[in-house]
Amino acid sequence: LPKLDGSVMGLYMKDQDIMGNNLLLRGTYVAGLNLTQ
């Protein structure tokens, strides 16, 4: 049978400098589902 997996990830990192701009990763989240057969 196929397998269904879920994932949730939260990030809290210091600001990242990208070409003079700040990338804010304080409270960024990633959620997903993956189905494997």
Full PDB file with SEQRES, HELIX, SHEET, SSBOND, CRYST1, ORIGX, SCALE, CONECT and MASTER records, all heavy atoms in Angstrom:
SEQRES   1 A   37  LEU PRO LYS LEU ASP GLY SER VAL MET GLY LEU TYR MET          
SEQRES   2 A   37  LYS ASP GLN ASP ILE MET GLY ASN ASN LEU LEU LEU ARG          
SEQRES   3 A   37  GLY THR TYR VAL ALA GLY LEU ASN LEU THR GLN                  
SHEET    1 AA1 2 LYS A   3  TYR A  12  0                                        
SHEET    2 AA1 2 ARG A  26  THR A  36 -1                                        
SHEET    1 AA2 2 GLN A  16  ILE A  18  0                                        
SHEET    2 AA2 2 ASN A  21  LEU A  23 -1                                        
CRYST1    1.000    1.000    1.000  90.00  90.00  90.00 P 1           1          
ORIGX1      1.000000  0.000000  0.000000        0.00000                         
ORIGX2      0.000000  1.000000  0.000000        0.00000                         
ORIGX3      0.000000  0.000000  1.000000        0.00000                         
SCALE1      1.000000  0.000000  0.000000        0.00000                         
SCALE2      0.000000  1.000000  0.000000        0.00000                         
SCALE3      0.000000  0.000000  1.000000        0.00000                         
ATOM      1  N   LEU A   1       0.821  -1.200   0.000  1.00  0.00           N  
ATOM      2  CA  LEU A   1       0.000   0.000   0.000  1.00  0.00           C  
ATOM      3  C   LEU A   1       0.859   1.256   0.000  1.00  0.00           C  
ATOM      4  O   LEU A   1       2.006   1.244   0.473  1.00  0.00           O  
ATOM      5  CB  LEU A   1      -0.921  -0.004   1.227  1.00  0.00           C  
ATOM      6  CG  LEU A   1      -1.782  -1.265   1.405  1.00  0.00           C  
ATOM      7  CD1 LEU A   1      -2.583  -1.165   2.689  1.00  0.00           C  
ATOM      8  CD2 LEU A   1      -2.695  -1.473   0.211  1.00  0.00           C  
ATOM      9  N   PRO A   2       0.313   2.364  -0.554  1.00  0.00           N  
ATOM     10  CA  PRO A   2       1.072   3.617  -0.530  1.00  0.00           C  
ATOM     11  C   PRO A   2       1.211   4.156   0.897  1.00  0.00           C  
ATOM     12  O   PRO A   2       0.373   3.895   1.759  1.00  0.00           O  
ATOM     13  CB  PRO A   2       0.222   4.550  -1.394  1.00  0.00           C  
ATOM     14  CG  PRO A   2      -1.162   3.997  -1.320  1.00  0.00           C  
ATOM     15  CD  PRO A   2      -0.989   2.509  -1.228  1.00  0.00           C  
ATOM     16  N   LYS A   3       2.268   4.928   1.093  1.00  0.00           N  
ATOM     17  CA  LYS A   3       2.549   5.496   2.406  1.00  0.00           C  
ATOM     18  C   LYS A   3       2.447   7.006   2.324  1.00  0.00           C  
ATOM     19  O   LYS A   3       3.030   7.637   1.442  1.00  0.00           O  
ATOM     20  CB  LYS A   3       3.929   5.072   2.891  1.00  0.00           C  
ATOM     21  CG  LYS A   3       4.053   3.577   3.164  1.00  0.00           C  
ATOM     22  CD  LYS A   3       5.409   3.187   3.596  1.00  0.00           C  
ATOM     23  CE  LYS A   3       5.484   1.718   3.974  1.00  0.00           C  
ATOM     24  NZ  LYS A   3       5.087   0.858   2.825  1.00  0.00           N  
ATOM     25  N   LEU A   4       1.720   7.575   3.239  1.00  0.00           N  
ATOM     26  CA  LEU A   4       1.509   9.013   3.308  1.00  0.00           C  
ATOM     27  C   LEU A   4       2.214   9.554   4.541  1.00  0.00           C  
ATOM     28  O   LEU A   4       1.947   9.116   5.664  1.00  0.00           O  
ATOM     29  CB  LEU A   4       0.024   9.350   3.351  1.00  0.00           C  
ATOM     30  CG  LEU A   4      -0.348  10.835   3.425  1.00  0.00           C  
ATOM     31  CD1 LEU A   4       0.101  11.549   2.156  1.00  0.00           C  
ATOM     32  CD2 LEU A   4      -1.844  11.005   3.642  1.00  0.00           C  
ATOM     33  N   ASP A   5       3.107  10.523   4.335  1.00  0.00           N  
ATOM     34  CA  ASP A   5       3.859  11.139   5.420  1.00  0.00           C  
ATOM     35  C   ASP A   5       3.641  12.646   5.402  1.00  0.00           C  
ATOM     36  O   ASP A   5       3.565  13.266   4.324  1.00  0.00           O  
ATOM     37  CB  ASP A   5       5.358  10.828   5.311  1.00  0.00           C  
ATOM     38  CG  ASP A   5       5.652   9.346   5.410  1.00  0.00           C  
ATOM     39  OD1 ASP A   5       5.282   8.741   6.432  1.00  0.00           O  
ATOM     40  OD2 ASP A   5       6.263   8.782   4.476  1.00  0.00           O  
ATOM     41  N   GLY A   6       3.536  13.222   6.553  1.00  0.00           N  
ATOM     42  CA  GLY A   6       3.416  14.662   6.688  1.00  0.00           C  
ATOM     43  C   GLY A   6       4.597  15.228   7.443  1.00  0.00           C  
ATOM     44  O   GLY A   6       5.239  14.550   8.246  1.00  0.00           O  
ATOM     45  N   SER A   7       4.892  16.505   7.186  1.00  0.00           N  
ATOM     46  CA  SER A   7       6.015  17.148   7.861  1.00  0.00           C  
ATOM     47  C   SER A   7       5.695  18.622   8.094  1.00  0.00           C  
ATOM     48  O   SER A   7       5.022  19.268   7.279  1.00  0.00           O  
ATOM     49  CB  SER A   7       7.303  17.008   7.046  1.00  0.00           C  
ATOM     50  OG  SER A   7       7.178  17.647   5.785  1.00  0.00           O  
ATOM     51  N   VAL A   8       6.148  19.137   9.204  1.00  0.00           N  
ATOM     52  CA  VAL A   8       6.015  20.545   9.553  1.00  0.00           C  
ATOM     53  C   VAL A   8       7.350  21.009  10.117  1.00  0.00           C  
ATOM     54  O   VAL A   8       7.933  20.334  10.978  1.00  0.00           O  
ATOM     55  CB  VAL A   8       4.893  20.779  10.581  1.00  0.00           C  
ATOM     56  CG1 VAL A   8       4.837  22.256  10.965  1.00  0.00           C  
ATOM     57  CG2 VAL A   8       3.554  20.329  10.046  1.00  0.00           C  
ATOM     58  N   MET A   9       7.850  22.132   9.645  1.00  0.00           N  
ATOM     59  CA  MET A   9       9.139  22.638  10.093  1.00  0.00           C  
ATOM     60  C   MET A   9       9.052  24.140  10.300  1.00  0.00           C  
ATOM     61  O   MET A   9       8.496  24.867   9.459  1.00  0.00           O  
ATOM     62  CB  MET A   9      10.233  22.304   9.077  1.00  0.00           C  
ATOM     63  CG  MET A   9      11.622  22.790   9.475  1.00  0.00           C  
ATOM     64  SD  MET A   9      12.888  22.390   8.260  1.00  0.00           S  
ATOM     65  CE  MET A   9      12.331  23.363   6.847  1.00  0.00           C  
ATOM     66  N   GLY A  10       9.567  24.608  11.402  1.00  0.00           N  
ATOM     67  CA  GLY A  10       9.650  26.032  11.684  1.00  0.00           C  
ATOM     68  C   GLY A  10      11.099  26.471  11.805  1.00  0.00           C  
ATOM     69  O   GLY A  10      11.948  25.728  12.292  1.00  0.00           O  
ATOM     70  N   LEU A  11      11.390  27.679  11.343  1.00  0.00           N  
ATOM     71  CA  LEU A  11      12.752  28.201  11.361  1.00  0.00           C  
ATOM     72  C   LEU A  11      12.825  29.466  12.195  1.00  0.00           C  
ATOM     73  O   LEU A  11      11.920  30.314  12.159  1.00  0.00           O  
ATOM     74  CB  LEU A  11      13.233  28.508   9.939  1.00  0.00           C  
ATOM     75  CG  LEU A  11      13.347  27.340   8.972  1.00  0.00           C  
ATOM     76  CD1 LEU A  11      13.762  27.842   7.593  1.00  0.00           C  
ATOM     77  CD2 LEU A  11      14.363  26.336   9.486  1.00  0.00           C  
ATOM     78  N   TYR A  12      13.893  29.584  12.914  1.00  0.00           N  
ATOM     79  CA  TYR A  12      14.202  30.819  13.629  1.00  0.00           C  
ATOM     80  C   TYR A  12      15.705  31.027  13.544  1.00  0.00           C  
ATOM     81  O   TYR A  12      16.479  30.418  14.269  1.00  0.00           O  
ATOM     82  CB  TYR A  12      13.732  30.758  15.075  1.00  0.00           C  
ATOM     83  CG  TYR A  12      13.836  32.090  15.786  1.00  0.00           C  
ATOM     84  CD1 TYR A  12      12.771  32.988  15.736  1.00  0.00           C  
ATOM     85  CD2 TYR A  12      14.986  32.456  16.471  1.00  0.00           C  
ATOM     86  CE1 TYR A  12      12.848  34.229  16.375  1.00  0.00           C  
ATOM     87  CE2 TYR A  12      15.081  33.680  17.102  1.00  0.00           C  
ATOM     88  CZ  TYR A  12      14.010  34.568  17.051  1.00  0.00           C  
ATOM     89  OH  TYR A  12      14.105  35.786  17.683  1.00  0.00           O  
ATOM     90  N   MET A  13      16.125  31.845  12.605  1.00  0.00           N  
ATOM     91  CA  MET A  13      17.533  32.111  12.372  1.00  0.00           C  
ATOM     92  C   MET A  13      17.772  33.616  12.351  1.00  0.00           C  
ATOM     93  O   MET A  13      16.844  34.408  12.135  1.00  0.00           O  
ATOM     94  CB  MET A  13      17.968  31.501  11.030  1.00  0.00           C  
ATOM     95  CG  MET A  13      17.814  29.983  10.959  1.00  0.00           C  
ATOM     96  SD  MET A  13      18.192  29.313   9.322  1.00  0.00           S  
ATOM     97  CE  MET A  13      19.899  29.851   9.126  1.00  0.00           C  
ATOM     98  N   LYS A  14      19.011  34.013  12.549  1.00  0.00           N  
ATOM     99  CA  LYS A  14      19.327  35.434  12.474  1.00  0.00           C  
ATOM    100  C   LYS A  14      19.228  35.903  11.029  1.00  0.00           C  
ATOM    101  O   LYS A  14      19.283  35.106  10.079  1.00  0.00           O  
ATOM    102  CB  LYS A  14      20.715  35.700  13.042  1.00  0.00           C  
ATOM    103  CG  LYS A  14      21.855  35.147  12.217  1.00  0.00           C  
ATOM    104  CD  LYS A  14      23.196  35.521  12.841  1.00  0.00           C  
ATOM    105  CE  LYS A  14      24.340  35.030  11.989  1.00  0.00           C  
ATOM    106  NZ  LYS A  14      25.665  35.407  12.538  1.00  0.00           N  
ATOM    107  N   ASP A  15      19.104  37.172  10.864  1.00  0.00           N  
ATOM    108  CA  ASP A  15      18.915  37.734   9.527  1.00  0.00           C  
ATOM    109  C   ASP A  15      20.096  37.387   8.630  1.00  0.00           C  
ATOM    110  O   ASP A  15      21.273  37.423   9.038  1.00  0.00           O  
ATOM    111  CB  ASP A  15      18.749  39.251   9.596  1.00  0.00           C  
ATOM    112  CG  ASP A  15      17.519  39.642  10.402  1.00  0.00           C  
ATOM    113  OD1 ASP A  15      16.708  38.726  10.716  1.00  0.00           O  
ATOM    114  OD2 ASP A  15      17.391  40.818  10.758  1.00  0.00           O  
ATOM    115  N   GLN A  16      19.767  37.027   7.401  1.00  0.00           N  
ATOM    116  CA  GLN A  16      20.775  36.697   6.412  1.00  0.00           C  
ATOM    117  C   GLN A  16      20.902  37.834   5.405  1.00  0.00           C  
ATOM    118  O   GLN A  16      19.909  38.349   4.904  1.00  0.00           O  
ATOM    119  CB  GLN A  16      20.403  35.389   5.681  1.00  0.00           C  
ATOM    120  CG  GLN A  16      20.199  34.192   6.602  1.00  0.00           C  
ATOM    121  CD  GLN A  16      21.479  33.769   7.268  1.00  0.00           C  
ATOM    122  OE1 GLN A  16      22.544  33.694   6.619  1.00  0.00           O  
ATOM    123  NE2 GLN A  16      21.412  33.530   8.576  1.00  0.00           N  
ATOM    124  N   ASP A  17      22.132  38.217   5.125  1.00  0.00           N  
ATOM    125  CA  ASP A  17      22.372  39.307   4.171  1.00  0.00           C  
ATOM    126  C   ASP A  17      22.468  38.731   2.761  1.00  0.00           C  
ATOM    127  O   ASP A  17      23.331  37.891   2.483  1.00  0.00           O  
ATOM    128  CB  ASP A  17      23.657  40.049   4.529  1.00  0.00           C  
ATOM    129  CG  ASP A  17      23.906  41.223   3.596  1.00  0.00           C  
ATOM    130  OD1 ASP A  17      23.187  42.233   3.681  1.00  0.00           O  
ATOM    131  OD2 ASP A  17      24.829  41.093   2.745  1.00  0.00           O  
ATOM    132  N   ILE A  18      21.609  39.208   1.888  1.00  0.00           N  
ATOM    133  CA  ILE A  18      21.609  38.775   0.499  1.00  0.00           C  
ATOM    134  C   ILE A  18      21.684  40.012  -0.379  1.00  0.00           C  
ATOM    135  O   ILE A  18      20.681  40.728  -0.549  1.00  0.00           O  
ATOM    136  CB  ILE A  18      20.364  37.942   0.173  1.00  0.00           C  
ATOM    137  CG1 ILE A  18      20.291  36.696   1.059  1.00  0.00           C  
ATOM    138  CG2 ILE A  18      20.369  37.532  -1.293  1.00  0.00           C  
ATOM    139  CD1 ILE A  18      19.120  35.837   0.817  1.00  0.00           C  
ATOM    140  N   MET A  19      22.878  40.265  -0.889  1.00  0.00           N  
ATOM    141  CA  MET A  19      23.106  41.396  -1.793  1.00  0.00           C  
ATOM    142  C   MET A  19      22.615  42.698  -1.191  1.00  0.00           C  
ATOM    143  O   MET A  19      21.939  43.522  -1.830  1.00  0.00           O  
ATOM    144  CB  MET A  19      22.450  41.155  -3.147  1.00  0.00           C  
ATOM    145  CG  MET A  19      22.976  39.919  -3.861  1.00  0.00           C  
ATOM    146  SD  MET A  19      22.198  39.643  -5.471  1.00  0.00           S  
ATOM    147  CE  MET A  19      22.772  41.084  -6.363  1.00  0.00           C  
ATOM    148  N   GLY A  20      22.932  42.885   0.072  1.00  0.00           N  
ATOM    149  CA  GLY A  20      22.554  44.108   0.751  1.00  0.00           C  
ATOM    150  C   GLY A  20      21.178  44.124   1.344  1.00  0.00           C  
ATOM    151  O   GLY A  20      20.792  45.078   2.014  1.00  0.00           O  
ATOM    152  N   ASN A  21      20.410  43.068   1.134  1.00  0.00           N  
ATOM    153  CA  ASN A  21      19.074  42.951   1.692  1.00  0.00           C  
ATOM    154  C   ASN A  21      19.059  41.890   2.792  1.00  0.00           C  
ATOM    155  O   ASN A  21      19.842  40.940   2.761  1.00  0.00           O  
ATOM    156  CB  ASN A  21      18.060  42.608   0.612  1.00  0.00           C  
ATOM    157  CG  ASN A  21      17.960  43.670  -0.453  1.00  0.00           C  
ATOM    158  OD1 ASN A  21      17.970  44.859  -0.169  1.00  0.00           O  
ATOM    159  ND2 ASN A  21      17.896  43.251  -1.725  1.00  0.00           N  
ATOM    160  N   ASN A  22      18.153  42.016   3.722  1.00  0.00           N  
ATOM    161  CA  ASN A  22      18.029  41.084   4.837  1.00  0.00           C  
ATOM    162  C   ASN A  22      16.916  40.061   4.581  1.00  0.00           C  
ATOM    163  O   ASN A  22      15.781  40.447   4.285  1.00  0.00           O  
ATOM    164  CB  ASN A  22      17.747  41.817   6.142  1.00  0.00           C  
ATOM    165  CG  ASN A  22      18.918  42.655   6.588  1.00  0.00           C  
ATOM    166  OD1 ASN A  22      20.075  42.315   6.370  1.00  0.00           O  
ATOM    167  ND2 ASN A  22      18.628  43.815   7.209  1.00  0.00           N  
ATOM    168  N   LEU A  23      17.308  38.810   4.676  1.00  0.00           N  
ATOM    169  CA  LEU A  23      16.318  37.732   4.589  1.00  0.00           C  
ATOM    170  C   LEU A  23      15.936  37.350   6.009  1.00  0.00           C  
ATOM    171  O   LEU A  23      16.779  36.884   6.790  1.00  0.00           O  
ATOM    172  CB  LEU A  23      16.883  36.527   3.830  1.00  0.00           C  
ATOM    173  CG  LEU A  23      15.933  35.338   3.653  1.00  0.00           C  
ATOM    174  CD1 LEU A  23      14.752  35.743   2.785  1.00  0.00           C  
ATOM    175  CD2 LEU A  23      16.671  34.148   3.034  1.00  0.00           C  
ATOM    176  N   LEU A  24      14.657  37.537   6.351  1.00  0.00           N  
ATOM    177  CA  LEU A  24      14.189  37.285   7.708  1.00  0.00           C  
ATOM    178  C   LEU A  24      13.580  35.877   7.803  1.00  0.00           C  
ATOM    179  O   LEU A  24      12.597  35.575   7.115  1.00  0.00           O  
ATOM    180  CB  LEU A  24      13.140  38.325   8.112  1.00  0.00           C  
ATOM    181  CG  LEU A  24      13.565  39.786   7.954  1.00  0.00           C  
ATOM    182  CD1 LEU A  24      12.466  40.737   8.437  1.00  0.00           C  
ATOM    183  CD2 LEU A  24      14.855  40.070   8.705  1.00  0.00           C  
ATOM    184  N   LEU A  25      14.200  35.034   8.611  1.00  0.00           N  
ATOM    185  CA  LEU A  25      13.743  33.653   8.788  1.00  0.00           C  
ATOM    186  C   LEU A  25      13.236  33.418  10.206  1.00  0.00           C  
ATOM    187  O   LEU A  25      13.325  32.325  10.743  1.00  0.00           O  
ATOM    188  CB  LEU A  25      14.877  32.672   8.475  1.00  0.00           C  
ATOM    189  CG  LEU A  25      15.405  32.726   7.038  1.00  0.00           C  
ATOM    190  CD1 LEU A  25      16.595  31.788   6.874  1.00  0.00           C  
ATOM    191  CD2 LEU A  25      14.313  32.345   6.048  1.00  0.00           C  
ATOM    192  N   ARG A  26      12.719  34.442  10.806  1.00  0.00           N  
ATOM    193  CA  ARG A  26      12.176  34.340  12.151  1.00  0.00           C  
ATOM    194  C   ARG A  26      10.686  33.988  12.069  1.00  0.00           C  
ATOM    195  O   ARG A  26       9.862  34.851  11.771  1.00  0.00           O  
ATOM    196  CB  ARG A  26      12.369  35.639  12.915  1.00  0.00           C  
ATOM    197  CG  ARG A  26      13.833  36.066  13.018  1.00  0.00           C  
ATOM    198  CD  ARG A  26      13.963  37.420  13.664  1.00  0.00           C  
ATOM    199  NE  ARG A  26      15.355  37.877  13.668  1.00  0.00           N  
ATOM    200  CZ  ARG A  26      15.752  39.068  14.137  1.00  0.00           C  
ATOM    201  NH1 ARG A  26      14.822  39.913  14.624  1.00  0.00           N  
ATOM    202  NH2 ARG A  26      17.021  39.399  14.083  1.00  0.00           N  
ATOM    203  N   GLY A  27      10.377  32.738  12.323  1.00  0.00           N  
ATOM    204  CA  GLY A  27       8.979  32.306  12.245  1.00  0.00           C  
ATOM    205  C   GLY A  27       8.579  31.758  10.905  1.00  0.00           C  
ATOM    206  O   GLY A  27       7.387  31.479  10.668  1.00  0.00           O  
ATOM    207  N   THR A  28       9.549  31.524   9.996  1.00  0.00           N  
ATOM    208  CA  THR A  28       9.224  30.898   8.717  1.00  0.00           C  
ATOM    209  C   THR A  28       8.851  29.431   8.945  1.00  0.00           C  
ATOM    210  O   THR A  28       9.457  28.745   9.754  1.00  0.00           O  
ATOM    211  CB  THR A  28      10.424  30.984   7.763  1.00  0.00           C  
ATOM    212  OG1 THR A  28      10.773  32.366   7.590  1.00  0.00           O  
ATOM    213  CG2 THR A  28      10.086  30.367   6.423  1.00  0.00           C  
ATOM    214  N   TYR A  29       7.870  28.924   8.223  1.00  0.00           N  
ATOM    215  CA  TYR A  29       7.417  27.548   8.397  1.00  0.00           C  
ATOM    216  C   TYR A  29       7.266  26.884   7.036  1.00  0.00           C  
ATOM    217  O   TYR A  29       7.036  27.536   6.024  1.00  0.00           O  
ATOM    218  CB  TYR A  29       6.106  27.467   9.173  1.00  0.00           C  
ATOM    219  CG  TYR A  29       4.941  28.128   8.487  1.00  0.00           C  
ATOM    220  CD1 TYR A  29       4.137  27.413   7.609  1.00  0.00           C  
ATOM    221  CD2 TYR A  29       4.649  29.474   8.718  1.00  0.00           C  
ATOM    222  CE1 TYR A  29       3.056  28.013   6.981  1.00  0.00           C  
ATOM    223  CE2 TYR A  29       3.584  30.083   8.082  1.00  0.00           C  
ATOM    224  CZ  TYR A  29       2.780  29.341   7.210  1.00  0.00           C  
ATOM    225  OH  TYR A  29       1.726  29.939   6.578  1.00  0.00           O  
ATOM    226  N   VAL A  30       7.408  25.572   7.062  1.00  0.00           N  
ATOM    227  CA  VAL A  30       7.214  24.753   5.872  1.00  0.00           C  
ATOM    228  C   VAL A  30       6.395  23.539   6.280  1.00  0.00           C  
ATOM    229  O   VAL A  30       6.729  22.840   7.240  1.00  0.00           O  
ATOM    230  CB  VAL A  30       8.560  24.305   5.250  1.00  0.00           C  
ATOM    231  CG1 VAL A  30       8.293  23.456   4.008  1.00  0.00           C  
ATOM    232  CG2 VAL A  30       9.428  25.500   4.910  1.00  0.00           C  
ATOM    233  N   ALA A  31       5.312  23.264   5.568  1.00  0.00           N  
ATOM    234  CA  ALA A  31       4.460  22.102   5.819  1.00  0.00           C  
ATOM    235  C   ALA A  31       4.249  21.355   4.521  1.00  0.00           C  
ATOM    236  O   ALA A  31       4.157  21.973   3.451  1.00  0.00           O  
ATOM    237  CB  ALA A  31       3.126  22.531   6.422  1.00  0.00           C  
ATOM    238  N   GLY A  32       4.184  20.028   4.629  1.00  0.00           N  
ATOM    239  CA  GLY A  32       4.034  19.271   3.393  1.00  0.00           C  
ATOM    240  C   GLY A  32       3.504  17.863   3.619  1.00  0.00           C  
ATOM    241  O   GLY A  32       3.495  17.334   4.734  1.00  0.00           O  
ATOM    242  N   LEU A  33       3.042  17.257   2.523  1.00  0.00           N  
ATOM    243  CA  LEU A  33       2.588  15.873   2.480  1.00  0.00           C  
ATOM    244  C   LEU A  33       3.339  15.158   1.378  1.00  0.00           C  
ATOM    245  O   LEU A  33       3.593  15.719   0.314  1.00  0.00           O  
ATOM    246  CB  LEU A  33       1.080  15.787   2.230  1.00  0.00           C  
ATOM    247  CG  LEU A  33       0.160  16.332   3.322  1.00  0.00           C  
ATOM    248  CD1 LEU A  33      -1.283  16.340   2.820  1.00  0.00           C  
ATOM    249  CD2 LEU A  33       0.280  15.516   4.598  1.00  0.00           C  
ATOM    250  N   ASN A  34       3.669  13.898   1.641  1.00  0.00           N  
ATOM    251  CA  ASN A  34       4.382  13.120   0.635  1.00  0.00           C  
ATOM    252  C   ASN A  34       3.773  11.725   0.561  1.00  0.00           C  
ATOM    253  O   ASN A  34       3.618  11.035   1.576  1.00  0.00           O  
ATOM    254  CB  ASN A  34       5.863  13.023   0.986  1.00  0.00           C  
ATOM    255  CG  ASN A  34       6.665  12.381  -0.134  1.00  0.00           C  
ATOM    256  OD1 ASN A  34       6.834  12.984  -1.190  1.00  0.00           O  
ATOM    257  ND2 ASN A  34       7.168  11.185   0.094  1.00  0.00           N  
ATOM    258  N   LEU A  35       3.403  11.298  -0.642  1.00  0.00           N  
ATOM    259  CA  LEU A  35       2.797   9.997  -0.895  1.00  0.00           C  
ATOM    260  C   LEU A  35       3.761   9.158  -1.730  1.00  0.00           C  
ATOM    261  O   LEU A  35       4.144   9.568  -2.824  1.00  0.00           O  
ATOM    262  CB  LEU A  35       1.460  10.161  -1.611  1.00  0.00           C  
ATOM    263  CG  LEU A  35       0.664   8.880  -1.880  1.00  0.00           C  
ATOM    264  CD1 LEU A  35       0.149   8.296  -0.572  1.00  0.00           C  
ATOM    265  CD2 LEU A  35      -0.507   9.159  -2.830  1.00  0.00           C  
ATOM    266  N   THR A  36       4.131   7.974  -1.175  1.00  0.00           N  
ATOM    267  CA  THR A  36       5.089   7.110  -1.852  1.00  0.00           C  
ATOM    268  C   THR A  36       4.448   5.763  -2.139  1.00  0.00           C  
ATOM    269  O   THR A  36       3.875   5.146  -1.240  1.00  0.00           O  
ATOM    270  CB  THR A  36       6.349   6.907  -0.999  1.00  0.00           C  
ATOM    271  OG1 THR A  36       6.921   8.192  -0.684  1.00  0.00           O  
ATOM    272  CG2 THR A  36       7.380   6.065  -1.736  1.00  0.00           C  
ATOM    273  N   GLN A  37       4.552   5.317  -3.384  1.00  0.00           N  
ATOM    274  CA  GLN A  37       3.990   4.037  -3.794  1.00  0.00           C  
ATOM    275  C   GLN A  37       5.071   3.200  -4.474  1.00  0.00           C  
ATOM    276  O   GLN A  37       5.576   3.574  -5.532  1.00  0.00           O  
ATOM    277  CB  GLN A  37       2.807   4.246  -4.742  1.00  0.00           C  
ATOM    278  CG  GLN A  37       2.259   2.956  -5.349  1.00  0.00           C  
ATOM    279  CD  GLN A  37       1.671   2.030  -4.313  1.00  0.00           C  
ATOM    280  OE1 GLN A  37       0.760   2.391  -3.603  1.00  0.00           O  
ATOM    281  NE2 GLN A  37       2.209   0.809  -4.230  1.00  0.00           N  
TER     282      GLN A  37                                                      
MASTER        0    0    0    0    4    0    0    6  281    1    0    3          
END                                                                             
